[in-house]
N, C-alpha and C. Protein backbone atom coordinates (compact mmCIF):
# COMPACT_ATOMS: atom_id res chain seq x y z
N UNK A 1 14.34 -1.62 -14.82
CA UNK A 1 13.83 -0.77 -13.85
C UNK A 1 13.34 -0.99 -12.53
N UNK A 2 14.13 -0.02 -11.57
CA UNK A 2 14.00 -0.29 -9.97
C UNK A 2 12.23 0.78 -9.50
N UNK A 3 11.95 -0.17 -8.71
CA UNK A 3 10.76 1.05 -8.46
C UNK A 3 11.18 1.08 -6.85
N UNK A 4 11.10 2.09 -6.17
CA UNK A 4 11.18 2.07 -4.31
C UNK A 4 9.94 2.91 -4.10
N UNK A 5 9.08 2.34 -3.08
CA UNK A 5 8.24 2.83 -2.36
C UNK A 5 7.90 2.66 -0.96
N UNK A 6 7.96 3.87 -0.04
CA UNK A 6 8.25 3.89 0.97
C UNK A 6 6.33 5.18 2.04
N UNK A 7 6.40 3.77 2.90
CA UNK A 7 5.46 4.59 3.62
C UNK A 7 5.77 5.48 4.75
N UNK A 8 4.82 6.17 5.45
CA UNK A 8 5.27 6.58 6.78
C UNK A 8 3.86 6.93 7.86
N UNK A 9 3.91 6.48 8.91
CA UNK A 9 3.01 7.03 9.63
C UNK A 9 3.50 7.54 11.02
N UNK A 10 2.74 8.75 10.72
CA UNK A 10 2.94 9.84 11.93
C UNK A 10 3.41 10.12 13.08
N UNK A 11 4.03 10.35 13.95
CA UNK A 11 3.43 10.04 15.19
C UNK A 11 2.17 10.95 15.75
N UNK A 12 1.82 11.01 16.87
CA UNK A 12 0.93 11.53 16.86
C UNK A 12 0.75 12.65 17.57
N UNK A 13 1.88 13.66 17.84
CA UNK A 13 2.03 14.84 18.10
C UNK A 13 3.14 15.64 16.85
N UNK A 14 2.65 15.09 15.10
CA UNK A 14 2.76 15.81 14.45
C UNK A 14 1.94 16.33 13.60
N UNK A 15 2.12 17.67 13.95
CA UNK A 15 1.69 19.06 13.47
C UNK A 15 1.44 18.86 12.40
N UNK A 16 -0.05 19.93 12.14
CA UNK A 16 -0.12 20.02 10.13
C UNK A 16 0.84 20.66 10.12
N UNK A 17 1.26 21.79 9.97
CA UNK A 17 2.79 22.25 9.92
C UNK A 17 4.15 21.27 9.55
N UNK A 18 3.78 20.31 10.54
CA UNK A 18 5.32 19.48 9.83
C UNK A 18 4.95 18.64 8.95
N UNK A 19 3.46 18.28 8.90
CA UNK A 19 3.51 17.28 7.71
C UNK A 19 3.73 18.09 6.28
N UNK A 20 3.40 19.07 6.19
CA UNK A 20 2.99 19.83 4.98
C UNK A 20 4.42 20.56 4.54
N UNK A 21 5.41 20.56 6.14
CA UNK A 21 6.94 20.65 5.65
C UNK A 21 7.57 19.13 5.04
N UNK A 22 7.26 18.06 5.42
CA UNK A 22 7.83 17.09 4.99
C UNK A 22 7.29 16.75 3.26
N UNK A 23 6.13 17.28 2.92
CA UNK A 23 5.66 17.44 1.71
C UNK A 23 6.56 18.09 0.89
N UNK A 24 6.93 19.13 1.36
CA UNK A 24 7.11 20.08 0.85
C UNK A 24 8.89 19.97 0.68
N UNK A 25 9.54 19.23 1.23
CA UNK A 25 10.76 19.29 1.14
C UNK A 25 11.34 18.17 0.32
N UNK A 26 9.85 17.11 0.76
CA UNK A 26 10.61 15.28 -0.61
C UNK A 26 9.82 15.65 -1.66
N UNK A 27 9.41 17.00 -1.71
CA UNK A 27 8.88 17.18 -3.67
C UNK A 27 10.26 17.57 -4.13
N UNK A 28 11.15 18.43 -3.40
CA UNK A 28 12.04 18.65 -4.13
C UNK A 28 13.39 17.34 -4.29
N UNK A 29 13.04 16.34 -4.28
CA UNK A 29 13.76 15.20 -4.45
C UNK A 29 14.11 15.10 -6.03
N UNK A 30 13.31 15.29 -6.74
CA UNK A 30 13.18 15.04 -8.05
C UNK A 30 14.44 15.83 -8.72
N UNK A 31 14.74 17.57 -8.33
CA UNK A 31 15.37 18.23 -8.86
C UNK A 31 16.57 17.92 -7.89
N UNK A 32 16.83 16.78 -7.08
CA UNK A 32 17.97 17.13 -6.76
C UNK A 32 19.20 15.72 -6.93
N UNK A 33 18.18 15.22 -7.46
CA UNK A 33 18.93 13.39 -6.97
C UNK A 33 18.75 12.88 -8.67
N UNK A 34 19.60 13.55 -9.81
CA UNK A 34 19.33 12.98 -11.41
C UNK A 34 19.13 10.99 -11.19
N UNK A 35 19.20 10.41 -10.65
CA UNK A 35 19.11 9.24 -11.18
C UNK A 35 17.10 9.31 -11.08
N UNK A 36 16.81 10.07 -10.32
CA UNK A 36 15.35 9.92 -10.06
C UNK A 36 14.65 9.33 -11.67
N UNK A 37 14.06 8.90 -11.98
CA UNK A 37 13.32 8.94 -13.85
C UNK A 37 11.92 9.06 -13.73
N UNK A 38 11.35 8.44 -12.05
CA UNK A 38 10.12 9.04 -11.64
C UNK A 38 9.58 9.73 -10.92
N UNK A 39 8.76 9.90 -10.44
CA UNK A 39 8.91 10.44 -8.83
C UNK A 39 7.28 10.18 -8.56
N UNK A 40 6.53 10.15 -7.35
CA UNK A 40 4.99 10.35 -6.52
C UNK A 40 5.28 10.65 -5.31
N UNK A 41 4.51 11.60 -4.89
CA UNK A 41 4.71 11.52 -3.16
C UNK A 41 3.29 12.06 -2.64
N UNK A 42 3.09 11.65 -1.71
CA UNK A 42 1.63 12.35 -1.03
C UNK A 42 1.04 12.00 -0.11
N UNK A 43 0.13 12.88 0.35
CA UNK A 43 -0.20 12.28 2.06
C UNK A 43 -1.48 11.13 1.69
N UNK A 44 -2.37 10.72 2.28
CA UNK A 44 -2.93 9.49 2.23
C UNK A 44 -4.21 10.02 1.48
N UNK A 45 -4.89 9.35 1.20
CA UNK A 45 -6.74 9.77 0.23
C UNK A 45 -7.55 9.96 1.28
N UNK A 46 -7.20 9.37 2.25
CA UNK A 46 -8.40 8.81 3.42
C UNK A 46 -9.36 7.85 3.15
N UNK A 47 -9.00 7.15 2.00
CA UNK A 47 -10.11 6.07 1.40
C UNK A 47 -10.53 4.96 1.92
N UNK A 48 -9.63 4.84 3.43
CA UNK A 48 -9.44 3.30 3.68
C UNK A 48 -9.07 3.00 4.86
N UNK A 49 -10.02 3.20 6.19
CA UNK A 49 -9.05 2.86 7.58
C UNK A 49 -7.36 2.42 7.50
N UNK A 50 -7.04 2.60 8.86
CA UNK A 50 -5.34 1.68 8.61
C UNK A 50 -4.83 2.05 7.66
N UNK A 51 -4.33 3.08 6.68
CA UNK A 51 -3.60 3.33 5.45
C UNK A 51 -2.16 4.06 6.88
N UNK A 52 -0.96 3.67 5.76
CA UNK A 52 0.06 5.06 6.21
C UNK A 52 -0.72 6.29 5.63
N UNK A 53 0.06 7.25 6.72
CA UNK A 53 0.22 8.73 5.92
C UNK A 53 0.42 9.32 4.84
N UNK A 54 1.73 8.67 4.54
CA UNK A 54 2.56 9.49 3.54
C UNK A 54 3.33 8.53 3.37
N UNK A 55 3.18 8.60 1.56
CA UNK A 55 4.37 7.48 0.18
C UNK A 55 4.75 8.50 -0.30
N UNK A 56 6.00 7.76 -0.88
CA UNK A 56 6.75 8.61 -1.60
C UNK A 56 7.10 7.01 -3.16
N UNK A 57 7.19 7.22 -4.01
CA UNK A 57 7.47 6.39 -4.58
C UNK A 57 8.93 7.22 -6.37
N UNK A 58 9.50 6.15 -6.30
CA UNK A 58 10.49 6.63 -6.82
C UNK A 58 11.20 5.51 -7.90
N UNK A 59 11.09 5.71 -9.31
CA UNK A 59 11.86 4.84 -10.17
C UNK A 59 13.08 5.11 -10.69
N UNK A 60 14.21 4.13 -11.19
CA UNK A 60 15.12 4.01 -11.42
C UNK A 60 16.00 3.58 -12.42
N UNK A 61 16.73 3.96 -13.38
CA UNK A 61 17.16 2.71 -14.45
C UNK A 61 17.45 1.48 -13.42
N UNK A 62 18.65 1.65 -13.19
CA UNK A 62 18.70 0.26 -12.33
C UNK A 62 19.31 0.45 -10.63
N UNK A 63 19.93 -0.85 -10.24
CA UNK A 63 20.00 -0.65 -8.66
C UNK A 63 21.06 0.96 -8.16
N UNK A 64 22.05 0.66 -9.49
CA UNK A 64 23.30 1.67 -9.09
C UNK A 64 21.68 2.99 -9.32
N UNK A 65 21.56 3.00 -9.59
CA UNK A 65 20.57 4.82 -9.55
C UNK A 65 19.91 4.63 -8.01
N UNK A 66 19.31 3.40 -8.07
CA UNK A 66 18.52 3.53 -6.48
C UNK A 66 19.33 3.90 -5.57
N UNK A 67 20.26 3.11 -5.63
CA UNK A 67 21.97 3.60 -4.31
C UNK A 67 22.31 4.80 -4.54
N UNK A 68 22.35 5.23 -5.66
CA UNK A 68 22.94 6.65 -5.61
C UNK A 68 21.87 7.76 -5.06
N UNK A 69 21.00 7.71 -5.01
CA UNK A 69 19.34 7.92 -4.57
C UNK A 69 19.54 7.35 -2.73
N UNK A 70 19.47 6.44 -2.69
CA UNK A 70 19.51 6.44 -1.18
C UNK A 70 20.93 7.02 -0.28
N UNK A 71 21.88 6.93 -0.97
CA UNK A 71 23.36 7.75 -0.35
C UNK A 71 23.28 8.95 -0.29
N UNK A 72 22.67 10.20 -1.51
CA UNK A 72 22.78 11.41 -1.76
C UNK A 72 22.84 11.81 -0.62
N UNK A 73 23.41 13.12 -0.21
CA UNK A 73 22.89 13.32 1.03
C UNK A 73 22.48 14.38 1.21
N UNK A 74 21.67 15.60 -0.20
CA UNK A 74 20.59 16.05 0.42
C UNK A 74 19.39 14.95 0.36
N UNK A 75 19.21 14.18 0.14
CA UNK A 75 18.07 12.64 0.30
C UNK A 75 17.97 12.56 2.01
N UNK A 76 19.53 12.13 2.33
CA UNK A 76 19.86 11.69 3.82
C UNK A 76 19.62 12.63 4.37
N UNK A 77 19.91 14.07 4.15
CA UNK A 77 18.94 15.29 5.13
C UNK A 77 17.54 15.68 5.19
N UNK A 78 17.23 15.66 4.39
CA UNK A 78 15.74 15.75 4.41
C UNK A 78 15.41 14.28 5.12
N UNK A 79 15.46 13.33 5.20
CA UNK A 79 15.08 12.24 5.87
C UNK A 79 15.20 12.55 7.50
N UNK A 80 16.94 12.92 7.77
CA UNK A 80 16.87 13.69 9.58
C UNK A 80 16.64 14.37 10.03
N UNK A 81 16.15 15.17 8.86
CA UNK A 81 15.71 16.67 9.56
C UNK A 81 14.16 16.91 9.73
N UNK A 82 13.96 16.37 8.45
CA UNK A 82 11.88 16.09 8.57
C UNK A 82 11.42 14.64 8.88
N UNK A 83 11.87 13.45 8.21
CA UNK A 83 11.50 12.49 9.09
C UNK A 83 11.27 11.91 10.04
N UNK A 84 12.91 11.87 10.08
CA UNK A 84 12.96 10.78 11.50
C UNK A 84 12.28 11.79 12.80
N UNK A 85 11.83 12.96 12.72
CA UNK A 85 11.35 13.41 14.18
C UNK A 85 10.23 13.01 14.16
N UNK A 86 9.47 12.94 12.43
CA UNK A 86 8.01 12.14 12.93
C UNK A 86 7.92 11.47 12.79
N UNK A 87 8.69 10.66 12.38
CA UNK A 87 7.87 8.73 11.90
C UNK A 87 7.87 8.37 13.10
N UNK A 88 6.52 7.41 13.14
CA UNK A 88 6.55 6.48 13.88
C UNK A 88 6.56 4.77 13.50
N UNK A 89 6.29 4.61 12.17
CA UNK A 89 6.55 3.73 11.57
C UNK A 89 7.18 3.63 10.27
N UNK A 90 7.48 2.80 9.81
CA UNK A 90 8.17 2.97 8.51
C UNK A 90 8.34 2.20 7.63
N UNK A 91 7.57 1.70 6.50
CA UNK A 91 8.52 0.19 5.50
C UNK A 91 8.73 0.73 4.16
N UNK A 92 9.20 0.01 3.55
CA UNK A 92 10.03 0.38 2.37
C UNK A 92 9.88 -1.05 1.65
N UNK A 93 10.15 -0.97 0.36
CA UNK A 93 9.97 -2.17 -0.69
C UNK A 93 10.81 -1.46 -2.23
N UNK A 94 11.64 -2.05 -2.66
CA UNK A 94 12.34 -1.79 -3.87
C UNK A 94 12.36 -3.24 -4.59
N UNK A 95 11.29 -3.15 -5.84
CA UNK A 95 11.50 -4.37 -6.71
C UNK A 95 11.90 -3.75 -8.24
N UNK A 96 11.51 -4.37 -9.02
CA UNK A 96 11.95 -4.62 -10.04
C UNK A 96 10.29 -4.51 -11.45
N UNK A 97 10.92 -3.85 -12.39
CA UNK A 97 9.66 -4.27 -12.68
C UNK A 97 9.86 -3.54 -14.52
C-alpha cells in the first residue's frame, strides 16, 4: 500500500469561502478516482501553533494507483482551479505501509 499525504498553507488573502470551496472540491476525489482505497481530508483542528491549514491523505494499492491519481484529469483540474491560486506552501510525502 502507498499512502500519499499533502498539506497546504493558504495565502493570507484566501477567504473563508475560498477555503470551503477547496474542501468541497477535494472531497469529490474518492468518487472521481477509482484507484483511491481510503481517503481523508480536512482543515487543521487548531490544536498546535504553526500547523499547516489543510491536509489530504489518500491510500492506494500500489505505485500505479498513486500515479493514476496523480495524473487524473479531474484531480489536476481541482489542483489548478482551486488549490494553486490559494496555496502559499505545499508539502507532500508518499510512503509504503
